[in-house]
Amino acid sequence: MRLSKKMMNGDRNGGIEGLPLQLMIMVLVAGLGTAILVGWMGGLTTPEAIASVNGSPSEIMLSDGDGDGTFESDDVGLTIYVRDQDGDAVAGASVVLDGCNVRNSDGSAVYGSTDAEGKVTFDGLSVSQYGQGIGFITVTVAKGGMGTDSSLQIPVISR
């Protein structure tokens, strides 16, 4: 069968169903590109992060037993709990306490790692500050791939 010139004359711009060929190609490429991106992004997950750091007790009270102006306590216990954005325990996170001269009983800096329950307990801590007022112990938590959180500050009150 032979194509007649008359049939080809109506399609000089290469249009299909009345649309120009270039527009059809652009719509096809945009649709495929969008489908590929949506499929690729659907497999992404939210990165893990430290979402909450809580401590017990929520405050520490110091007293000046000898009247020298230094308020202190040599038997402070703190428990720190670390959770991720799903509320799950974060095991193996490093926890550092700083401020109000907080030290272990041997005078060393206070740090530890969370257990499988996301908990670390510090006992027998020495805490002191000079003069009446309020100070703070800053709790810094860090874990590789999850970032760092220093949002918890435990008030230390001299009375």
N, C-alpha and C. Protein backbone atom coordinates (compact mmCIF):
# COMPACT_ATOMS: atom_id res chain seq x y z
N MET A 1 0.85 -1.17 0.00
CA MET A 1 0.00 0.00 0.00
C MET A 1 0.89 1.23 0.00
N ARG A 2 0.51 2.16 -0.75
CA ARG A 2 1.28 3.36 -0.93
C ARG A 2 0.67 4.50 -0.13
N LEU A 3 1.53 5.25 0.57
CA LEU A 3 1.03 6.41 1.31
C LEU A 3 0.82 7.56 0.36
N SER A 4 -0.26 8.15 0.49
CA SER A 4 -0.53 9.29 -0.39
C SER A 4 0.01 10.57 0.23
N LYS A 5 0.32 11.52 -0.61
CA LYS A 5 0.81 12.81 -0.15
C LYS A 5 -0.23 13.52 0.67
N LYS A 6 -1.45 13.26 0.40
CA LYS A 6 -2.54 13.95 1.08
C LYS A 6 -2.57 13.60 2.58
N MET A 7 -2.29 12.36 2.96
CA MET A 7 -2.30 11.94 4.36
C MET A 7 -1.14 12.56 5.14
N MET A 8 0.01 12.70 4.54
CA MET A 8 1.17 13.23 5.22
C MET A 8 1.13 14.75 5.35
N ASN A 9 0.43 15.42 4.53
CA ASN A 9 0.40 16.87 4.56
C ASN A 9 -0.22 17.40 5.85
N GLY A 10 -1.11 16.68 6.48
CA GLY A 10 -1.78 17.17 7.68
C GLY A 10 -0.92 17.06 8.94
N ASP A 11 0.24 16.42 8.85
CA ASP A 11 1.06 16.19 10.03
C ASP A 11 2.46 16.76 9.82
N ARG A 12 2.56 17.99 9.37
CA ARG A 12 3.85 18.60 9.06
C ARG A 12 4.71 18.84 10.30
N ASN A 13 4.12 19.10 11.48
CA ASN A 13 4.87 19.39 12.69
C ASN A 13 5.18 18.13 13.51
N GLY A 14 4.81 16.98 13.03
CA GLY A 14 5.07 15.74 13.75
C GLY A 14 4.16 15.58 14.95
N GLY A 15 2.99 16.19 14.95
CA GLY A 15 2.08 16.14 16.09
C GLY A 15 1.32 14.84 16.19
N ILE A 16 0.97 14.47 17.38
CA ILE A 16 0.15 13.29 17.64
C ILE A 16 -1.10 13.77 18.36
N GLU A 17 -2.23 13.43 17.82
CA GLU A 17 -3.50 13.82 18.43
C GLU A 17 -3.58 15.33 18.62
N GLY A 18 -2.97 16.07 17.81
CA GLY A 18 -3.08 17.52 17.86
C GLY A 18 -2.03 18.20 18.72
N LEU A 19 -1.11 17.46 19.38
CA LEU A 19 -0.06 18.06 20.20
C LEU A 19 1.27 18.00 19.46
N PRO A 20 2.10 19.02 19.59
CA PRO A 20 3.41 18.99 18.94
C PRO A 20 4.28 17.87 19.51
N LEU A 21 5.13 17.30 18.70
CA LEU A 21 5.99 16.19 19.10
C LEU A 21 6.94 16.59 20.24
N GLN A 22 7.49 17.79 20.22
CA GLN A 22 8.40 18.23 21.29
C GLN A 22 7.70 18.26 22.64
N LEU A 23 6.45 18.70 22.68
CA LEU A 23 5.70 18.73 23.93
C LEU A 23 5.46 17.32 24.45
N MET A 24 5.16 16.40 23.56
CA MET A 24 4.94 15.01 23.97
C MET A 24 6.21 14.42 24.57
N ILE A 25 7.36 14.71 23.97
CA ILE A 25 8.63 14.20 24.48
C ILE A 25 8.93 14.80 25.85
N MET A 26 8.70 16.10 26.02
CA MET A 26 8.95 16.76 27.32
C MET A 26 8.07 16.17 28.41
N VAL A 27 6.80 15.94 28.12
CA VAL A 27 5.88 15.36 29.11
C VAL A 27 6.32 13.95 29.48
N LEU A 28 6.73 13.16 28.49
CA LEU A 28 7.19 11.80 28.74
C LEU A 28 8.45 11.79 29.62
N VAL A 29 9.43 12.63 29.30
CA VAL A 29 10.67 12.69 30.08
C VAL A 29 10.39 13.19 31.50
N ALA A 30 9.56 14.21 31.65
CA ALA A 30 9.23 14.72 32.99
C ALA A 30 8.51 13.66 33.81
N GLY A 31 7.60 12.94 33.21
CA GLY A 31 6.88 11.89 33.92
C GLY A 31 7.79 10.77 34.38
N LEU A 32 8.69 10.33 33.49
CA LEU A 32 9.64 9.28 33.86
C LEU A 32 10.60 9.76 34.95
N GLY A 33 11.09 10.99 34.81
CA GLY A 33 12.00 11.54 35.83
C GLY A 33 11.34 11.62 37.19
N THR A 34 10.11 12.07 37.22
CA THR A 34 9.37 12.15 38.49
C THR A 34 9.17 10.77 39.09
N ALA A 35 8.81 9.80 38.27
CA ALA A 35 8.60 8.44 38.76
C ALA A 35 9.88 7.86 39.34
N ILE A 36 11.01 8.11 38.69
CA ILE A 36 12.29 7.61 39.19
C ILE A 36 12.64 8.26 40.52
N LEU A 37 12.48 9.58 40.64
CA LEU A 37 12.79 10.27 41.89
C LEU A 37 11.89 9.83 43.03
N VAL A 38 10.60 9.69 42.78
CA VAL A 38 9.67 9.26 43.84
C VAL A 38 10.01 7.85 44.29
N GLY A 39 10.34 6.97 43.35
CA GLY A 39 10.72 5.61 43.71
C GLY A 39 12.00 5.57 44.52
N TRP A 40 12.96 6.39 44.16
CA TRP A 40 14.23 6.44 44.87
C TRP A 40 14.05 7.00 46.28
N MET A 41 13.26 8.06 46.42
CA MET A 41 13.06 8.69 47.72
C MET A 41 12.20 7.84 48.64
N GLY A 42 11.38 6.97 48.09
CA GLY A 42 10.55 6.11 48.92
C GLY A 42 11.36 5.14 49.76
N GLY A 43 12.57 4.83 49.33
CA GLY A 43 13.43 3.91 50.06
C GLY A 43 14.27 4.57 51.14
N LEU A 44 14.22 5.88 51.24
CA LEU A 44 15.01 6.59 52.24
C LEU A 44 14.36 6.47 53.61
N THR A 45 15.17 6.38 54.64
CA THR A 45 14.67 6.35 56.01
C THR A 45 15.22 7.54 56.78
N THR A 46 14.52 7.92 57.82
CA THR A 46 14.96 9.01 58.67
C THR A 46 16.21 8.58 59.44
N PRO A 47 17.25 9.39 59.47
CA PRO A 47 18.44 9.00 60.23
C PRO A 47 18.14 8.97 61.72
N GLU A 48 18.81 8.07 62.42
CA GLU A 48 18.62 7.98 63.87
C GLU A 48 19.24 9.20 64.54
N ALA A 49 18.60 9.63 65.61
CA ALA A 49 19.10 10.78 66.36
C ALA A 49 18.72 10.63 67.83
N ILE A 50 19.48 11.29 68.68
CA ILE A 50 19.13 11.34 70.10
C ILE A 50 17.98 12.32 70.24
N ALA A 51 16.85 11.84 70.74
CA ALA A 51 15.66 12.68 70.81
C ALA A 51 15.40 13.20 72.21
N SER A 52 15.68 12.40 73.23
CA SER A 52 15.40 12.88 74.58
C SER A 52 16.45 12.38 75.56
N VAL A 53 16.80 13.27 76.47
CA VAL A 53 17.72 12.96 77.56
C VAL A 53 17.03 13.41 78.84
N ASN A 54 16.81 12.48 79.75
CA ASN A 54 16.15 12.80 81.02
C ASN A 54 17.03 12.35 82.17
N GLY A 55 16.86 13.00 83.32
CA GLY A 55 17.65 12.66 84.48
C GLY A 55 16.82 12.57 85.74
N SER A 56 17.35 11.81 86.68
CA SER A 56 16.72 11.69 87.99
C SER A 56 17.83 11.71 89.03
N PRO A 57 17.75 12.54 90.05
CA PRO A 57 16.68 13.48 90.39
C PRO A 57 16.69 14.69 89.45
N SER A 58 15.60 15.45 89.50
CA SER A 58 15.47 16.60 88.62
C SER A 58 16.18 17.84 89.17
N GLU A 59 16.61 17.80 90.44
CA GLU A 59 17.38 18.90 91.03
C GLU A 59 18.24 18.36 92.15
N ILE A 60 19.31 19.11 92.48
CA ILE A 60 20.23 18.72 93.54
C ILE A 60 20.29 19.86 94.54
N MET A 61 20.14 19.53 95.82
CA MET A 61 20.18 20.53 96.90
C MET A 61 21.53 20.43 97.62
N LEU A 62 22.19 21.58 97.81
CA LEU A 62 23.46 21.64 98.53
C LEU A 62 23.29 22.45 99.80
N SER A 63 24.11 22.15 100.80
CA SER A 63 24.08 22.92 102.05
C SER A 63 25.50 23.29 102.45
N ASP A 64 25.59 24.36 103.26
CA ASP A 64 26.88 24.83 103.77
C ASP A 64 27.00 24.36 105.21
N GLY A 65 27.52 23.16 105.40
CA GLY A 65 27.58 22.56 106.73
C GLY A 65 28.57 23.23 107.67
N ASP A 66 29.66 23.79 107.17
CA ASP A 66 30.68 24.37 108.05
C ASP A 66 30.71 25.90 108.02
N GLY A 67 29.81 26.53 107.28
CA GLY A 67 29.69 27.99 107.29
C GLY A 67 30.79 28.73 106.55
N ASP A 68 31.54 28.07 105.68
CA ASP A 68 32.62 28.75 104.97
C ASP A 68 32.19 29.35 103.62
N GLY A 69 30.91 29.24 103.29
CA GLY A 69 30.40 29.82 102.05
C GLY A 69 30.42 28.87 100.87
N THR A 70 30.99 27.69 101.06
CA THR A 70 30.99 26.68 100.00
C THR A 70 29.88 25.67 100.29
N PHE A 71 28.95 25.60 99.37
CA PHE A 71 27.83 24.67 99.51
C PHE A 71 28.21 23.39 98.76
N GLU A 72 28.09 22.25 99.45
CA GLU A 72 28.57 21.02 98.84
C GLU A 72 27.82 19.78 99.31
N SER A 73 27.98 18.73 98.54
CA SER A 73 27.47 17.41 98.90
C SER A 73 28.42 16.39 98.29
N ASP A 74 28.77 15.37 99.09
CA ASP A 74 29.72 14.37 98.62
C ASP A 74 29.08 13.02 98.31
N ASP A 75 27.75 12.97 98.31
CA ASP A 75 27.08 11.69 98.05
C ASP A 75 25.88 11.89 97.14
N VAL A 76 26.13 12.45 95.96
CA VAL A 76 25.05 12.71 95.01
C VAL A 76 24.98 11.55 94.02
N GLY A 77 23.77 11.11 93.75
CA GLY A 77 23.54 10.07 92.75
C GLY A 77 22.69 10.61 91.61
N LEU A 78 23.04 10.30 90.38
CA LEU A 78 22.29 10.73 89.20
C LEU A 78 22.09 9.54 88.27
N THR A 79 20.91 9.46 87.69
CA THR A 79 20.63 8.47 86.66
C THR A 79 20.17 9.21 85.41
N ILE A 80 20.78 8.91 84.28
CA ILE A 80 20.46 9.56 83.01
C ILE A 80 19.87 8.52 82.06
N TYR A 81 18.77 8.90 81.40
CA TYR A 81 18.09 8.04 80.43
C TYR A 81 18.17 8.68 79.05
N VAL A 82 18.53 7.90 78.03
CA VAL A 82 18.68 8.42 76.66
C VAL A 82 17.78 7.61 75.73
N ARG A 83 16.98 8.34 74.90
CA ARG A 83 16.04 7.70 73.96
C ARG A 83 16.23 8.30 72.56
N ASP A 84 15.89 7.51 71.54
CA ASP A 84 15.94 8.01 70.16
C ASP A 84 14.57 8.55 69.76
N GLN A 85 14.41 8.94 68.49
CA GLN A 85 13.18 9.57 68.04
C GLN A 85 11.99 8.62 68.04
N ASP A 86 12.24 7.29 68.11
CA ASP A 86 11.16 6.32 68.18
C ASP A 86 10.83 5.95 69.62
N GLY A 87 11.54 6.53 70.59
CA GLY A 87 11.32 6.22 72.00
C GLY A 87 12.10 5.01 72.48
N ASP A 88 12.96 4.47 71.62
CA ASP A 88 13.76 3.30 71.98
C ASP A 88 15.02 3.73 72.73
N ALA A 89 15.51 2.85 73.61
CA ALA A 89 16.73 3.12 74.37
C ALA A 89 17.92 3.22 73.42
N VAL A 90 18.84 4.12 73.75
CA VAL A 90 20.08 4.28 72.98
C VAL A 90 21.21 3.68 73.80
N ALA A 91 21.68 2.51 73.38
CA ALA A 91 22.77 1.84 74.09
C ALA A 91 24.11 2.33 73.56
N GLY A 92 25.11 2.41 74.44
CA GLY A 92 26.45 2.77 74.03
C GLY A 92 26.70 4.25 73.81
N ALA A 93 25.79 5.10 74.26
CA ALA A 93 25.99 6.55 74.13
C ALA A 93 26.91 7.04 75.24
N SER A 94 27.80 7.94 74.92
CA SER A 94 28.70 8.53 75.93
C SER A 94 27.98 9.67 76.62
N VAL A 95 28.06 9.69 77.96
CA VAL A 95 27.40 10.71 78.78
C VAL A 95 28.47 11.40 79.62
N VAL A 96 28.51 12.73 79.55
CA VAL A 96 29.49 13.52 80.31
C VAL A 96 28.74 14.55 81.14
N LEU A 97 29.11 14.67 82.43
CA LEU A 97 28.52 15.68 83.32
C LEU A 97 29.53 16.78 83.55
N ASP A 98 29.06 18.04 83.51
CA ASP A 98 29.96 19.17 83.68
C ASP A 98 29.22 20.31 84.37
N GLY A 99 29.91 21.02 85.24
CA GLY A 99 29.34 22.17 85.93
C GLY A 99 29.24 21.93 87.42
N CYS A 100 29.24 23.00 88.20
CA CYS A 100 29.14 22.95 89.67
C CYS A 100 30.18 22.02 90.28
N ASN A 101 31.36 22.01 89.71
CA ASN A 101 32.48 21.22 90.22
C ASN A 101 32.12 19.76 90.44
N VAL A 102 31.30 19.19 89.58
CA VAL A 102 30.90 17.79 89.73
C VAL A 102 32.10 16.89 89.43
N ARG A 103 32.37 15.96 90.35
CA ARG A 103 33.50 15.04 90.23
C ARG A 103 33.12 13.69 90.83
N ASN A 104 33.84 12.65 90.40
CA ASN A 104 33.71 11.35 91.05
C ASN A 104 34.37 11.44 92.42
N SER A 105 34.18 10.42 93.24
CA SER A 105 34.75 10.43 94.59
C SER A 105 36.28 10.50 94.57
N ASP A 106 36.92 10.03 93.49
CA ASP A 106 38.38 10.11 93.40
C ASP A 106 38.87 11.41 92.76
N GLY A 107 37.94 12.34 92.45
CA GLY A 107 38.30 13.64 91.89
C GLY A 107 38.34 13.67 90.37
N SER A 108 38.07 12.56 89.73
CA SER A 108 38.13 12.51 88.26
C SER A 108 36.85 13.05 87.63
N ALA A 109 36.94 13.36 86.34
CA ALA A 109 35.77 13.85 85.60
C ALA A 109 34.70 12.76 85.54
N VAL A 110 33.45 13.20 85.40
CA VAL A 110 32.32 12.27 85.43
C VAL A 110 31.87 11.96 84.01
N TYR A 111 31.98 10.70 83.62
CA TYR A 111 31.50 10.26 82.31
C TYR A 111 31.18 8.76 82.38
N GLY A 112 30.36 8.32 81.46
CA GLY A 112 29.99 6.91 81.41
C GLY A 112 29.28 6.61 80.10
N SER A 113 28.87 5.35 79.94
CA SER A 113 28.16 4.91 78.73
C SER A 113 26.84 4.28 79.12
N THR A 114 25.84 4.49 78.27
CA THR A 114 24.52 3.93 78.55
C THR A 114 24.52 2.43 78.30
N ASP A 115 23.69 1.72 79.06
CA ASP A 115 23.56 0.28 78.90
C ASP A 115 22.48 -0.04 77.86
N ALA A 116 22.06 -1.29 77.78
CA ALA A 116 21.06 -1.72 76.79
C ALA A 116 19.72 -1.05 77.01
N GLU A 117 19.46 -0.57 78.22
CA GLU A 117 18.21 0.12 78.53
C GLU A 117 18.31 1.63 78.32
N GLY A 118 19.45 2.10 77.80
CA GLY A 118 19.65 3.53 77.57
C GLY A 118 19.87 4.30 78.86
N LYS A 119 20.39 3.62 79.89
CA LYS A 119 20.53 4.23 81.21
C LYS A 119 21.97 4.16 81.68
N VAL A 120 22.40 5.23 82.35
CA VAL A 120 23.69 5.22 83.03
C VAL A 120 23.48 5.85 84.40
N THR A 121 24.06 5.22 85.43
CA THR A 121 23.89 5.69 86.81
C THR A 121 25.25 6.11 87.37
N PHE A 122 25.27 7.28 87.99
CA PHE A 122 26.47 7.79 88.65
C PHE A 122 26.16 7.87 90.14
N ASP A 123 27.02 7.27 90.98
CA ASP A 123 26.83 7.30 92.43
C ASP A 123 28.05 7.90 93.10
N GLY A 124 27.84 8.48 94.29
CA GLY A 124 28.93 9.02 95.09
C GLY A 124 29.62 10.22 94.48
N LEU A 125 28.87 11.04 93.75
CA LEU A 125 29.45 12.23 93.13
C LEU A 125 29.62 13.35 94.14
N SER A 126 30.64 14.16 93.92
CA SER A 126 30.88 15.35 94.73
C SER A 126 30.46 16.57 93.90
N VAL A 127 29.58 17.40 94.48
CA VAL A 127 29.09 18.60 93.81
C VAL A 127 29.27 19.77 94.76
N SER A 128 29.78 20.91 94.26
CA SER A 128 29.95 22.07 95.13
C SER A 128 29.86 23.35 94.31
N GLN A 129 29.48 24.42 95.02
CA GLN A 129 29.53 25.76 94.44
C GLN A 129 29.67 26.76 95.58
N TYR A 130 30.28 27.88 95.26
CA TYR A 130 30.52 28.90 96.27
C TYR A 130 29.37 29.91 96.27
N GLY A 131 28.85 30.21 97.44
CA GLY A 131 27.78 31.19 97.58
C GLY A 131 26.42 30.60 97.29
N GLN A 132 25.41 31.31 97.80
CA GLN A 132 24.04 30.86 97.57
C GLN A 132 23.62 31.19 96.15
N GLY A 133 22.72 30.41 95.64
CA GLY A 133 22.22 30.65 94.29
C GLY A 133 21.90 29.34 93.59
N ILE A 134 21.77 29.47 92.30
CA ILE A 134 21.44 28.30 91.49
C ILE A 134 22.54 28.12 90.44
N GLY A 135 23.02 26.91 90.34
CA GLY A 135 23.97 26.53 89.30
C GLY A 135 23.37 25.38 88.51
N PHE A 136 24.09 24.93 87.52
CA PHE A 136 23.56 23.85 86.67
C PHE A 136 24.65 22.84 86.34
N ILE A 137 24.25 21.58 86.31
CA ILE A 137 25.09 20.51 85.77
C ILE A 137 24.56 20.23 84.37
N THR A 138 25.42 20.40 83.38
CA THR A 138 25.04 20.14 81.99
C THR A 138 25.36 18.69 81.65
N VAL A 139 24.36 18.01 81.10
CA VAL A 139 24.52 16.61 80.68
C VAL A 139 24.69 16.60 79.16
N THR A 140 25.84 16.14 78.70
CA THR A 140 26.11 16.05 77.26
C THR A 140 26.14 14.58 76.86
N VAL A 141 25.34 14.24 75.85
CA VAL A 141 25.24 12.86 75.36
C VAL A 141 25.66 12.85 73.90
N ALA A 142 26.50 11.88 73.53
CA ALA A 142 26.95 11.77 72.13
C ALA A 142 27.04 10.30 71.75
N LYS A 143 26.70 10.04 70.49
CA LYS A 143 26.89 8.70 69.93
C LYS A 143 27.13 8.85 68.44
N GLY A 144 28.11 8.12 67.93
CA GLY A 144 28.43 8.17 66.51
C GLY A 144 27.22 7.85 65.65
N GLY A 145 26.98 8.68 64.66
CA GLY A 145 25.86 8.49 63.75
C GLY A 145 24.54 9.02 64.27
N MET A 146 24.51 9.46 65.54
CA MET A 146 23.27 9.97 66.13
C MET A 146 23.39 11.41 66.60
N GLY A 147 24.59 11.95 66.59
CA GLY A 147 24.77 13.34 66.98
C GLY A 147 25.03 13.53 68.46
N THR A 148 24.89 14.77 68.90
CA THR A 148 25.15 15.18 70.28
C THR A 148 23.96 15.94 70.81
N ASP A 149 23.68 15.77 72.11
CA ASP A 149 22.58 16.48 72.76
C ASP A 149 23.07 17.01 74.10
N SER A 150 22.96 18.32 74.30
CA SER A 150 23.33 18.94 75.58
C SER A 150 22.15 19.71 76.16
N SER A 151 20.94 19.25 75.88
CA SER A 151 19.75 20.00 76.28
C SER A 151 19.39 19.86 77.75
N LEU A 152 19.87 18.80 78.42
CA LEU A 152 19.50 18.60 79.83
C LEU A 152 20.45 19.36 80.74
N GLN A 153 19.86 20.22 81.58
CA GLN A 153 20.61 20.91 82.62
C GLN A 153 19.90 20.64 83.94
N ILE A 154 20.64 20.07 84.89
CA ILE A 154 20.08 19.75 86.20
C ILE A 154 20.39 20.90 87.15
N PRO A 155 19.36 21.54 87.72
CA PRO A 155 19.60 22.65 88.64
C PRO A 155 20.27 22.19 89.94
N VAL A 156 21.24 22.97 90.39
CA VAL A 156 21.90 22.74 91.66
C VAL A 156 21.59 23.95 92.53
N ILE A 157 20.88 23.71 93.63
CA ILE A 157 20.37 24.81 94.46
C ILE A 157 21.11 24.82 95.79
N SER A 158 21.68 25.97 96.13
CA SER A 158 22.36 26.14 97.42
C SER A 158 21.36 26.73 98.41
N ARG A 159 21.24 26.09 99.57
CA ARG A 159 20.30 26.61 100.58
C ARG A 159 20.92 26.62 101.95
